[in-house]
Amino acid sequence: MILLASFTNELEAQLLESQLQEAGVDVKTTQEGNDAFKVMVFEDDLELAKEIMEARSLEDDDFLVDLDEPNLDELSDDLP
């Protein structure tokens, strides 16, 4: 198996592992040290696993909010 990704957060590693398993990718997550979690896949599954990771990161971007510049026009539309 080869390294796909490493995380400092176990939950993130488990989430990716679960998504890969749902897609039929053989995956193994190992812990090295107190805060290093490595997600490993077989080389044959590497391209699919990368696509799943990329799609996942794009979905995460949907939830990003720019808190520095709120849109006050949108907020005023919701006021009575």
PDB file of N, CA and C in Angstrom:
ATOM      1  N   MET A   1       0.850  -1.183   0.000  1.00  0.00           N
ATOM      2  CA  MET A   1       0.000   0.000   0.000  1.00  0.00           C
ATOM      3  C   MET A   1       0.891   1.241   0.000  1.00  0.00           C
ATOM      4  N   ILE A   2       0.333   2.311  -0.553  1.00  0.00           N
ATOM      5  CA  ILE A   2       1.079   3.569  -0.613  1.00  0.00           C
ATOM      6  C   ILE A   2       0.278   4.678   0.058  1.00  0.00           C
ATOM      7  N   LEU A   3       0.975   5.703   0.469  1.00  0.00           N
ATOM      8  CA  LEU A   3       0.366   6.819   1.181  1.00  0.00           C
ATOM      9  C   LEU A   3      -0.495   7.656   0.241  1.00  0.00           C
ATOM     10  N   LEU A   4      -1.741   7.858   0.638  1.00  0.00           N
ATOM     11  CA  LEU A   4      -2.640   8.759  -0.083  1.00  0.00           C
ATOM     12  C   LEU A   4      -2.645  10.127   0.589  1.00  0.00           C
ATOM     13  N   ALA A   5      -2.786  10.124   1.914  1.00  0.00           N
ATOM     14  CA  ALA A   5      -2.869  11.389   2.649  1.00  0.00           C
ATOM     15  C   ALA A   5      -2.506  11.151   4.103  1.00  0.00           C
ATOM     16  N   SER A   6      -2.097  12.219   4.762  1.00  0.00           N
ATOM     17  CA  SER A   6      -1.898  12.120   6.211  1.00  0.00           C
ATOM     18  C   SER A   6      -2.591  13.307   6.872  1.00  0.00           C
ATOM     19  N   PHE A   7      -3.054  13.047   8.073  1.00  0.00           N
ATOM     20  CA  PHE A   7      -3.848  14.027   8.812  1.00  0.00           C
ATOM     21  C   PHE A   7      -3.326  14.134  10.234  1.00  0.00           C
ATOM     22  N   THR A   8      -3.560  15.265  10.857  1.00  0.00           N
ATOM     23  CA  THR A   8      -3.273  15.408  12.279  1.00  0.00           C
ATOM     24  C   THR A   8      -4.536  15.170  13.096  1.00  0.00           C
ATOM     25  N   ASN A   9      -5.646  14.999  12.407  1.00  0.00           N
ATOM     26  CA  ASN A   9      -6.941  14.802  13.052  1.00  0.00           C
ATOM     27  C   ASN A   9      -7.460  13.405  12.702  1.00  0.00           C
ATOM     28  N   GLU A  10      -7.688  12.576  13.701  1.00  0.00           N
ATOM     29  CA  GLU A  10      -8.149  11.208  13.462  1.00  0.00           C
ATOM     30  C   GLU A  10      -9.514  11.185  12.781  1.00  0.00           C
ATOM     31  N   LEU A  11     -10.386  12.092  13.150  1.00  0.00           N
ATOM     32  CA  LEU A  11     -11.728  12.131  12.564  1.00  0.00           C
ATOM     33  C   LEU A  11     -11.669  12.377  11.057  1.00  0.00           C
ATOM     34  N   GLU A  12     -10.807  13.273  10.617  1.00  0.00           N
ATOM     35  CA  GLU A  12     -10.651  13.544   9.188  1.00  0.00           C
ATOM     36  C   GLU A  12     -10.168  12.305   8.452  1.00  0.00           C
ATOM     37  N   ALA A  13      -9.208  11.605   9.048  1.00  0.00           N
ATOM     38  CA  ALA A  13      -8.687  10.381   8.432  1.00  0.00           C
ATOM     39  C   ALA A  13      -9.778   9.324   8.334  1.00  0.00           C
ATOM     40  N   GLN A  14     -10.575   9.185   9.389  1.00  0.00           N
ATOM     41  CA  GLN A  14     -11.656   8.194   9.388  1.00  0.00           C
ATOM     42  C   GLN A  14     -12.738   8.554   8.378  1.00  0.00           C
ATOM     43  N   LEU A  15     -13.022   9.830   8.240  1.00  0.00           N
ATOM     44  CA  LEU A  15     -14.025  10.271   7.277  1.00  0.00           C
ATOM     45  C   LEU A  15     -13.593   9.931   5.857  1.00  0.00           C
ATOM     46  N   LEU A  16     -12.345  10.218   5.525  1.00  0.00           N
ATOM     47  CA  LEU A  16     -11.838   9.878   4.201  1.00  0.00           C
ATOM     48  C   LEU A  16     -11.842   8.367   4.005  1.00  0.00           C
ATOM     49  N   GLU A  17     -11.414   7.630   5.020  1.00  0.00           N
ATOM     50  CA  GLU A  17     -11.409   6.170   4.937  1.00  0.00           C
ATOM     51  C   GLU A  17     -12.814   5.645   4.632  1.00  0.00           C
ATOM     52  N   SER A  18     -13.806   6.174   5.302  1.00  0.00           N
ATOM     53  CA  SER A  18     -15.190   5.758   5.091  1.00  0.00           C
ATOM     54  C   SER A  18     -15.662   6.065   3.672  1.00  0.00           C
ATOM     55  N   GLN A  19     -15.327   7.249   3.170  1.00  0.00           N
ATOM     56  CA  GLN A  19     -15.730   7.625   1.813  1.00  0.00           C
ATOM     57  C   GLN A  19     -15.064   6.728   0.776  1.00  0.00           C
ATOM     58  N   LEU A  20     -13.813   6.394   1.005  1.00  0.00           N
ATOM     59  CA  LEU A  20     -13.112   5.514   0.077  1.00  0.00           C
ATOM     60  C   LEU A  20     -13.717   4.114   0.101  1.00  0.00           C
ATOM     61  N   GLN A  21     -14.029   3.612   1.284  1.00  0.00           N
ATOM     62  CA  GLN A  21     -14.634   2.289   1.400  1.00  0.00           C
ATOM     63  C   GLN A  21     -15.986   2.239   0.685  1.00  0.00           C
ATOM     64  N   GLU A  22     -16.770   3.290   0.828  1.00  0.00           N
ATOM     65  CA  GLU A  22     -18.072   3.353   0.150  1.00  0.00           C
ATOM     66  C   GLU A  22     -17.913   3.292  -1.361  1.00  0.00           C
ATOM     67  N   ALA A  23     -16.798   3.783  -1.876  1.00  0.00           N
ATOM     68  CA  ALA A  23     -16.541   3.765  -3.317  1.00  0.00           C
ATOM     69  C   ALA A  23     -15.871   2.464  -3.755  1.00  0.00           C
ATOM     70  N   GLY A  24     -15.647   1.554  -2.809  1.00  0.00           N
ATOM     71  CA  GLY A  24     -15.059   0.272  -3.150  1.00  0.00           C
ATOM     72  C   GLY A  24     -13.541   0.254  -3.169  1.00  0.00           C
ATOM     73  N   VAL A  25     -12.922   1.267  -2.587  1.00  0.00           N
ATOM     74  CA  VAL A  25     -11.462   1.348  -2.546  1.00  0.00           C
ATOM     75  C   VAL A  25     -10.976   0.651  -1.276  1.00  0.00           C
ATOM     76  N   ASP A  26     -10.011  -0.261  -1.424  1.00  0.00           N
ATOM     77  CA  ASP A  26      -9.374  -0.874  -0.262  1.00  0.00           C
ATOM     78  C   ASP A  26      -8.485   0.169   0.388  1.00  0.00           C
ATOM     79  N   VAL A  27      -8.671   0.372   1.680  1.00  0.00           N
ATOM     80  CA  VAL A  27      -7.979   1.451   2.381  1.00  0.00           C
ATOM     81  C   VAL A  27      -7.596   0.987   3.778  1.00  0.00           C
ATOM     82  N   LYS A  28      -6.509   1.556   4.271  1.00  0.00           N
ATOM     83  CA  LYS A  28      -6.065   1.267   5.634  1.00  0.00           C
ATOM     84  C   LYS A  28      -5.575   2.570   6.246  1.00  0.00           C
ATOM     85  N   THR A  29      -6.018   2.844   7.473  1.00  0.00           N
ATOM     86  CA  THR A  29      -5.569   4.029   8.190  1.00  0.00           C
ATOM     87  C   THR A  29      -4.683   3.580   9.342  1.00  0.00           C
ATOM     88  N   THR A  30      -3.523   4.182   9.444  1.00  0.00           N
ATOM     89  CA  THR A  30      -2.599   3.851  10.524  1.00  0.00           C
ATOM     90  C   THR A  30      -2.292   5.108  11.318  1.00  0.00           C
ATOM     91  N   GLN A  31      -1.937   4.891  12.573  1.00  0.00           N
ATOM     92  CA  GLN A  31      -1.547   6.009  13.428  1.00  0.00           C
ATOM     93  C   GLN A  31      -0.059   5.906  13.705  1.00  0.00           C
ATOM     94  N   GLU A  32       0.630   7.005  13.504  1.00  0.00           N
ATOM     95  CA  GLU A  32       2.060   7.074  13.800  1.00  0.00           C
ATOM     96  C   GLU A  32       2.285   8.244  14.737  1.00  0.00           C
ATOM     97  N   GLY A  33       2.656   7.961  15.933  1.00  0.00           N
ATOM     98  CA  GLY A  33       2.820   9.010  16.928  1.00  0.00           C
ATOM     99  C   GLY A  33       1.463   9.400  17.489  1.00  0.00           C
ATOM    100  N   ASN A  34       1.430  10.508  18.193  1.00  0.00           N
ATOM    101  CA  ASN A  34       0.187  10.939  18.834  1.00  0.00           C
ATOM    102  C   ASN A  34      -0.779  11.623  17.881  1.00  0.00           C
ATOM    103  N   ASP A  35      -0.252  12.280  16.854  1.00  0.00           N
ATOM    104  CA  ASP A  35      -1.135  13.073  16.001  1.00  0.00           C
ATOM    105  C   ASP A  35      -0.799  12.951  14.514  1.00  0.00           C
ATOM    106  N   ALA A  36      -0.472  11.747  14.087  1.00  0.00           N
ATOM    107  CA  ALA A  36      -0.202  11.520  12.666  1.00  0.00           C
ATOM    108  C   ALA A  36      -1.001  10.301  12.218  1.00  0.00           C
ATOM    109  N   PHE A  37      -1.983  10.538  11.355  1.00  0.00           N
ATOM    110  CA  PHE A  37      -2.844   9.480  10.851  1.00  0.00           C
ATOM    111  C   PHE A  37      -2.657   9.401   9.342  1.00  0.00           C
ATOM    112  N   LYS A  38      -2.261   8.233   8.873  1.00  0.00           N
ATOM    113  CA  LYS A  38      -1.945   8.054   7.457  1.00  0.00           C
ATOM    114  C   LYS A  38      -2.994   7.163   6.808  1.00  0.00           C
ATOM    115  N   VAL A  39      -3.487   7.617   5.657  1.00  0.00           N
ATOM    116  CA  VAL A  39      -4.472   6.868   4.881  1.00  0.00           C
ATOM    117  C   VAL A  39      -3.728   6.243   3.704  1.00  0.00           C
ATOM    118  N   MET A  40      -3.766   4.926   3.646  1.00  0.00           N
ATOM    119  CA  MET A  40      -3.021   4.164   2.644  1.00  0.00           C
ATOM    120  C   MET A  40      -3.992   3.454   1.705  1.00  0.00           C
ATOM    121  N   VAL A  41      -3.632   3.369   0.419  1.00  0.00           N
ATOM    122  CA  VAL A  41      -4.425   2.641  -0.579  1.00  0.00           C
ATOM    123  C   VAL A  41      -3.475   1.828  -1.456  1.00  0.00           C
ATOM    124  N   PHE A  42      -4.037   0.863  -2.163  1.00  0.00           N
ATOM    125  CA  PHE A  42      -3.240   0.128  -3.130  1.00  0.00           C
ATOM    126  C   PHE A  42      -2.978   1.017  -4.335  1.00  0.00           C
ATOM    127  N   GLU A  43      -1.847   0.813  -4.972  1.00  0.00           N
ATOM    128  CA  GLU A  43      -1.458   1.644  -6.112  1.00  0.00           C
ATOM    129  C   GLU A  43      -2.508   1.615  -7.223  1.00  0.00           C
ATOM    130  N   ASP A  44      -3.163   0.467  -7.425  1.00  0.00           N
ATOM    131  CA  ASP A  44      -4.198   0.359  -8.457  1.00  0.00           C
ATOM    132  C   ASP A  44      -5.396   1.274  -8.182  1.00  0.00           C
ATOM    133  N   ASP A  45      -5.619   1.611  -6.919  1.00  0.00           N
ATOM    134  CA  ASP A  45      -6.757   2.449  -6.537  1.00  0.00           C
ATOM    135  C   ASP A  45      -6.379   3.912  -6.356  1.00  0.00           C
ATOM    136  N   LEU A  46      -5.126   4.246  -6.559  1.00  0.00           N
ATOM    137  CA  LEU A  46      -4.640   5.580  -6.243  1.00  0.00           C
ATOM    138  C   LEU A  46      -5.365   6.682  -7.013  1.00  0.00           C
ATOM    139  N   GLU A  47      -5.552   6.529  -8.307  1.00  0.00           N
ATOM    140  CA  GLU A  47      -6.206   7.584  -9.098  1.00  0.00           C
ATOM    141  C   GLU A  47      -7.642   7.815  -8.645  1.00  0.00           C
ATOM    142  N   LEU A  48      -8.396   6.739  -8.426  1.00  0.00           N
ATOM    143  CA  LEU A  48      -9.773   6.875  -7.949  1.00  0.00           C
ATOM    144  C   LEU A  48      -9.790   7.531  -6.573  1.00  0.00           C
ATOM    145  N   ALA A  49      -8.883   7.119  -5.706  1.00  0.00           N
ATOM    146  CA  ALA A  49      -8.819   7.681  -4.359  1.00  0.00           C
ATOM    147  C   ALA A  49      -8.515   9.183  -4.416  1.00  0.00           C
ATOM    148  N   LYS A  50      -7.623   9.586  -5.309  1.00  0.00           N
ATOM    149  CA  LYS A  50      -7.310  11.010  -5.458  1.00  0.00           C
ATOM    150  C   LYS A  50      -8.522  11.792  -5.945  1.00  0.00           C
ATOM    151  N   GLU A  51      -9.289  11.202  -6.867  1.00  0.00           N
ATOM    152  CA  GLU A  51     -10.500  11.867  -7.363  1.00  0.00           C
ATOM    153  C   GLU A  51     -11.506  12.051  -6.240  1.00  0.00           C
ATOM    154  N   ILE A  52     -11.654  11.045  -5.398  1.00  0.00           N
ATOM    155  CA  ILE A  52     -12.586  11.129  -4.276  1.00  0.00           C
ATOM    156  C   ILE A  52     -12.126  12.209  -3.303  1.00  0.00           C
ATOM    157  N   MET A  53     -10.834  12.252  -3.024  1.00  0.00           N
ATOM    158  CA  MET A  53     -10.306  13.295  -2.135  1.00  0.00           C
ATOM    159  C   MET A  53     -10.523  14.686  -2.712  1.00  0.00           C
ATOM    160  N   GLU A  54     -10.293  14.837  -4.014  1.00  0.00           N
ATOM    161  CA  GLU A  54     -10.465  16.140  -4.651  1.00  0.00           C
ATOM    162  C   GLU A  54     -11.929  16.579  -4.596  1.00  0.00           C
ATOM    163  N   ALA A  55     -12.842  15.675  -4.872  1.00  0.00           N
ATOM    164  CA  ALA A  55     -14.264  16.000  -4.812  1.00  0.00           C
ATOM    165  C   ALA A  55     -14.658  16.378  -3.391  1.00  0.00           C
ATOM    166  N   ARG A  56     -14.081  15.711  -2.441  1.00  0.00           N
ATOM    167  CA  ARG A  56     -14.372  15.986  -1.037  1.00  0.00           C
ATOM    168  C   ARG A  56     -13.904  17.386  -0.662  1.00  0.00           C
ATOM    169  N   SER A  57     -12.729  17.782  -1.118  1.00  0.00           N
ATOM    170  CA  SER A  57     -12.222  19.109  -0.772  1.00  0.00           C
ATOM    171  C   SER A  57     -13.047  20.197  -1.458  1.00  0.00           C
ATOM    172  N   LEU A  58     -13.563  19.929  -2.647  1.00  0.00           N
ATOM    173  CA  LEU A  58     -14.429  20.904  -3.311  1.00  0.00           C
ATOM    174  C   LEU A  58     -15.731  21.066  -2.547  1.00  0.00           C
ATOM    175  N   GLU A  59     -16.271  19.971  -2.030  1.00  0.00           N
ATOM    176  CA  GLU A  59     -17.500  20.047  -1.233  1.00  0.00           C
ATOM    177  C   GLU A  59     -17.261  20.852   0.028  1.00  0.00           C
ATOM    178  N   ASP A  60     -16.100  20.676   0.658  1.00  0.00           N
ATOM    179  CA  ASP A  60     -15.775  21.427   1.863  1.00  0.00           C
ATOM    180  C   ASP A  60     -15.735  22.916   1.587  1.00  0.00           C
ATOM    181  N   ASP A  61     -15.276  23.315   0.395  1.00  0.00           N
ATOM    182  CA  ASP A  61     -15.209  24.727   0.041  1.00  0.00           C
ATOM    183  C   ASP A  61     -16.594  25.361  -0.041  1.00  0.00           C
ATOM    184  N   ASP A  62     -17.640  24.563  -0.280  1.00  0.00           N
ATOM    185  CA  ASP A  62     -18.990  25.090  -0.347  1.00  0.00           C
ATOM    186  C   ASP A  62     -19.430  25.687   0.981  1.00  0.00           C
ATOM    187  N   PHE A  63     -18.787  25.271   2.072  1.00  0.00           N
ATOM    188  CA  PHE A  63     -19.201  25.718   3.392  1.00  0.00           C
ATOM    189  C   PHE A  63     -18.355  26.863   3.926  1.00  0.00           C
ATOM    190  N   LEU A  64     -17.390  27.314   3.137  1.00  0.00           N
ATOM    191  CA  LEU A  64     -16.558  28.415   3.582  1.00  0.00           C
ATOM    192  C   LEU A  64     -17.327  29.728   3.472  1.00  0.00           C
ATOM    193  N   VAL A  65     -17.203  30.530   4.475  1.00  0.00           N
ATOM    194  CA  VAL A  65     -17.893  31.813   4.506  1.00  0.00           C
ATOM    195  C   VAL A  65     -16.845  32.891   4.718  1.00  0.00           C
ATOM    196  N   ASP A  66     -16.954  33.964   3.975  1.00  0.00           N
ATOM    197  CA  ASP A  66     -16.044  35.085   4.146  1.00  0.00           C
ATOM    198  C   ASP A  66     -16.590  35.974   5.248  1.00  0.00           C
ATOM    199  N   LEU A  67     -16.039  35.840   6.438  1.00  0.00           N
ATOM    200  CA  LEU A  67     -16.536  36.594   7.579  1.00  0.00           C
ATOM    201  C   LEU A  67     -15.980  38.007   7.627  1.00  0.00           C
ATOM    202  N   ASP A  68     -14.987  38.288   6.826  1.00  0.00           N
ATOM    203  CA  ASP A  68     -14.386  39.616   6.843  1.00  0.00           C
ATOM    204  C   ASP A  68     -15.284  40.664   6.199  1.00  0.00           C
ATOM    205  N   GLU A  69     -16.043  40.259   5.187  1.00  0.00           N
ATOM    206  CA  GLU A  69     -16.877  41.206   4.457  1.00  0.00           C
ATOM    207  C   GLU A  69     -18.302  40.675   4.332  1.00  0.00           C
ATOM    208  N   PRO A  70     -19.121  40.838   5.367  1.00  0.00           N
ATOM    209  CA  PRO A  70     -20.497  40.354   5.272  1.00  0.00           C
ATOM    210  C   PRO A  70     -21.288  41.176   4.258  1.00  0.00           C
ATOM    211  N   ASN A  71     -22.220  40.523   3.608  1.00  0.00           N
ATOM    212  CA  ASN A  71     -23.080  41.196   2.644  1.00  0.00           C
ATOM    213  C   ASN A  71     -24.289  41.740   3.403  1.00  0.00           C
ATOM    214  N   LEU A  72     -24.267  43.022   3.706  1.00  0.00           N
ATOM    215  CA  LEU A  72     -25.322  43.632   4.507  1.00  0.00           C
ATOM    216  C   LEU A  72     -26.641  43.714   3.753  1.00  0.00           C
ATOM    217  N   ASP A  73     -26.588  43.753   2.435  1.00  0.00           N
ATOM    218  CA  ASP A  73     -27.825  43.781   1.658  1.00  0.00           C
ATOM    219  C   ASP A  73     -28.616  42.494   1.859  1.00  0.00           C
ATOM    220  N   GLU A  74     -27.937  41.366   1.878  1.00  0.00           N
ATOM    221  CA  GLU A  74     -28.609  40.090   2.104  1.00  0.00           C
ATOM    222  C   GLU A  74     -29.216  40.031   3.498  1.00  0.00           C
ATOM    223  N   LEU A  75     -28.490  40.552   4.479  1.00  0.00           N
ATOM    224  CA  LEU A  75     -28.981  40.544   5.841  1.00  0.00           C
ATOM    225  C   LEU A  75     -30.216  41.424   6.002  1.00  0.00           C
ATOM    226  N   SER A  76     -30.250  42.561   5.339  1.00  0.00           N
ATOM    227  CA  SER A  76     -31.387  43.481   5.483  1.00  0.00           C
ATOM    228  C   SER A  76     -32.637  42.923   4.820  1.00  0.00           C
ATOM    229  N   ASP A  77     -32.494  42.049   3.829  1.00  0.00           N
ATOM    230  CA  ASP A  77     -33.648  41.425   3.176  1.00  0.00           C
ATOM    231  C   ASP A  77     -34.415  40.533   4.130  1.00  0.00           C
ATOM    232  N   ASP A  78     -33.716  39.990   5.132  1.00  0.00           N
ATOM    233  CA  ASP A  78     -34.343  39.070   6.076  1.00  0.00           C
ATOM    234  C   ASP A  78     -35.032  39.795   7.240  1.00  0.00           C
ATOM    235  N   LEU A  79     -34.839  41.100   7.364  1.00  0.00           N
ATOM    236  CA  LEU A  79     -35.431  41.848   8.459  1.00  0.00           C
ATOM    237  C   LEU A  79     -36.881  42.172   8.164  1.00  0.00           C
ATOM    238  N   PRO A  80     -37.729  42.192   9.208  1.00  0.00           N
ATOM    239  CA  PRO A  80     -39.163  42.522   9.006  1.00  0.00           C
ATOM    240  C   PRO A  80     -39.391  43.961   8.650  1.00  0.00           C
TER     241      PRO A  80
END
